[in-house]
Protein backbone atom coordinates (compact mmCIF):
# COMPACT_ATOMS: atom_id res chain seq x y z
CA MET A 1 71.43 116.10 123.97
CA SER A 2 74.70 113.29 124.00
CA LYS A 3 78.00 113.94 122.51
CA VAL A 4 79.10 111.78 119.58
CA GLU A 5 82.41 110.26 119.90
CA SER A 6 84.21 110.76 117.16
CA PRO A 7 86.35 107.32 116.13
CA PRO A 8 89.85 106.98 117.23
CA GLN A 9 93.00 108.17 115.41
CA ILE A 10 94.98 105.57 113.52
CA VAL A 11 98.30 106.94 112.25
CA ILE A 12 100.44 104.99 109.51
CA VAL A 13 104.24 105.38 108.68
CA GLU A 14 104.54 102.93 106.02
CA ASP A 15 106.80 103.60 103.18
CA ASN A 16 105.55 101.23 100.85
CA VAL A 17 103.02 103.19 98.89
CA GLU A 18 100.53 100.13 98.20
CA ALA A 19 100.56 98.42 101.61
CA ASN A 20 100.30 102.35 102.92
CA ASN A 21 97.06 102.37 100.99
CA LEU A 22 95.62 98.63 101.42
CA LEU A 23 95.84 99.48 105.40
CA ARG A 24 94.31 103.10 105.08
CA ASP A 25 91.53 101.80 102.84
CA TRP A 26 90.76 98.95 105.63
CA LEU A 27 91.00 101.15 108.40
CA LYS A 28 89.33 104.11 107.25
CA LEU A 29 86.09 102.12 107.60
CA ARG A 30 86.03 102.35 111.03
CA PHE A 31 88.78 104.99 112.17
CA THR A 32 89.81 108.13 111.45
CA VAL A 33 93.10 107.13 109.47
CA THR A 34 96.16 109.61 108.66
CA CYS A 35 99.07 108.00 106.72
CA PHE A 36 102.95 109.30 106.15
CA LEU A 37 105.37 107.44 104.13
CA ASP A 38 108.65 108.43 106.57
CA ALA A 39 109.47 109.18 109.74
CA GLU A 40 110.59 113.04 108.63
CA SER A 41 107.08 114.20 107.26
CA THR A 42 105.37 112.41 110.29
CA LEU A 43 107.74 114.51 112.37
CA ARG A 44 106.88 117.52 110.48
CA VAL A 45 103.11 117.57 109.76
CA LEU A 46 101.62 115.71 112.88
CA PRO A 47 100.99 118.11 115.67
CA PRO A 48 101.36 116.99 119.08
CA SER A 49 98.34 115.41 121.05
CA GLY A 50 97.17 114.22 123.84
CA GLU A 51 94.19 112.13 122.25
CA ARG A 52 93.83 108.26 122.27
CA ILE A 53 95.94 107.53 118.79
CA VAL A 54 97.39 104.05 117.82
CA PHE A 55 100.41 104.20 115.60
CA LEU A 56 101.16 101.68 113.00
CA ILE A 57 104.75 102.05 112.05
CA ASP A 58 107.37 100.29 109.81
CA TYR A 59 110.24 98.97 110.99
CA ASN A 60 112.77 99.24 108.02
CA MET A 61 112.19 102.89 106.13
CA PRO A 62 114.59 105.43 104.66
CA GLY A 63 115.44 107.72 107.40
CA ASP A 64 114.58 106.82 110.88
CA ASN A 65 113.69 103.48 111.08
CA GLY A 66 110.51 102.72 113.20
CA ILE A 67 112.13 102.16 116.87
CA ILE A 68 113.88 105.55 116.17
CA LEU A 69 110.41 107.56 115.03
CA LYS A 70 108.43 105.89 118.27
CA ALA A 71 111.42 107.52 120.29
CA LYS A 72 110.87 110.81 118.71
CA LEU A 73 106.87 110.53 118.78
CA THR A 74 106.54 109.75 122.80
CA PRO A 75 107.07 112.79 124.28
CA ARG A 76 104.47 114.60 121.58
CA PHE A 77 102.03 112.02 122.09
CA PRO A 78 101.96 110.65 125.63
CA ASN A 79 98.66 108.78 125.61
CA ALA A 80 99.13 107.04 122.08
CA LYS A 81 99.81 103.32 121.41
CA TYR A 82 102.46 102.43 119.15
CA ILE A 83 102.28 98.93 117.15
CA LEU A 84 105.64 97.90 115.39
CA ILE A 85 105.30 96.39 111.70
CA SER A 86 107.77 94.53 109.61
CA GLY A 87 108.97 91.72 107.49
CA LEU A 88 112.27 91.67 109.15
CA PHE A 89 111.60 90.14 112.55
CA ASP A 90 113.88 88.30 114.00
CA GLY A 91 115.16 87.27 117.78
CA LYS A 92 117.09 91.18 117.57
CA LEU A 93 114.45 93.43 116.09
CA THR A 94 111.77 91.36 118.00
CA GLU A 95 113.44 92.16 121.53
CA ALA A 96 114.31 95.87 120.26
CA GLY A 97 110.35 96.55 119.62
CA LYS A 98 109.58 95.40 122.85
CA GLU A 99 112.31 97.00 124.79
CA ALA A 100 111.46 100.10 122.90
CA GLY A 101 107.98 100.07 124.57
CA PHE A 102 106.02 99.05 121.53
CA TYR A 103 102.52 97.60 122.51
CA ALA A 104 102.64 95.09 119.93
CA LEU A 105 104.76 93.35 117.04
CA MET A 106 103.16 92.41 113.96
CA PRO A 107 105.07 90.50 111.22
CA LYS A 108 104.17 90.97 108.00
CA PRO A 109 102.15 90.08 106.00
CA PHE A 110 99.21 90.17 108.29
CA ALA A 111 95.74 89.85 107.66
CA MET A 112 93.61 92.79 108.21
CA PRO A 113 91.12 91.97 110.51
CA ALA A 114 94.05 90.93 112.83
CA VAL A 115 95.26 94.71 112.54
CA THR A 116 91.82 95.84 113.38
CA GLN A 117 91.44 93.48 116.38
CA LYS A 118 95.21 94.44 117.82
CA ILE A 119 93.92 98.05 117.52
CA GLU A 120 90.44 97.53 119.01
CA ASP A 121 92.43 95.35 121.94
CA LEU A 122 94.86 98.71 122.57
CA LEU A 123 92.16 101.06 122.70
CA GLY A 124 89.77 98.68 124.90
CA LEU A 125 87.22 99.02 122.10
CA LYS A 126 84.42 96.57 121.60
CA ALA A 127 83.22 95.42 117.89
CA LYS A 128 80.08 96.55 117.09
CA GLU A 129 80.13 94.75 114.14
CA SER A 130 83.13 92.51 112.44
CA LEU A 131 85.23 94.96 109.81
CA VAL A 132 84.37 91.77 107.45
CA ASP A 133 80.66 91.98 107.93
CA MET A 134 81.12 95.69 107.46
CA VAL A 135 82.77 95.64 104.48
CA LYS A 136 80.40 93.37 102.60
CA ARG A 137 77.39 95.29 103.85
CA GLN A 138 78.90 98.58 102.13
CA THR A 139 79.98 96.41 98.85
CA GLY A 140 76.92 94.52 98.56
CA PRO A 141 76.97 90.96 96.86
CA LEU A 142 80.38 91.62 95.34
CA LEU A 143 82.05 89.67 98.58
CA ARG A 144 79.45 87.38 99.28
């Protein structure tokens, strides 16, 4: 009997509720998704794990910014991959994100398929079906 592999976990840390919900609703079609609105609750609630996790972390949040949060998460999640998202990317933030070890930097606004593709690339996944096609299939003629 073969073991069914659970979908990879995605953790979204984004203080904008609408952006957080949009990312969650899109990504939950393919992944297990957990959302937080700030660094403090992420650190307080999320138990350490050696599992493969991808964190999508907003840079500009109340309390710790995304770069500080990544520094605090890295020892607790040694196998995680990190994507920094921000509407404020400039040369300085881009350099800081790279120096902090983020695997990818995604400027807002971004297309949802681009986020999925970046996650699949980081996890070494091959798309079985494009997420756009999956949404069309699940919603029927509404999006055709």
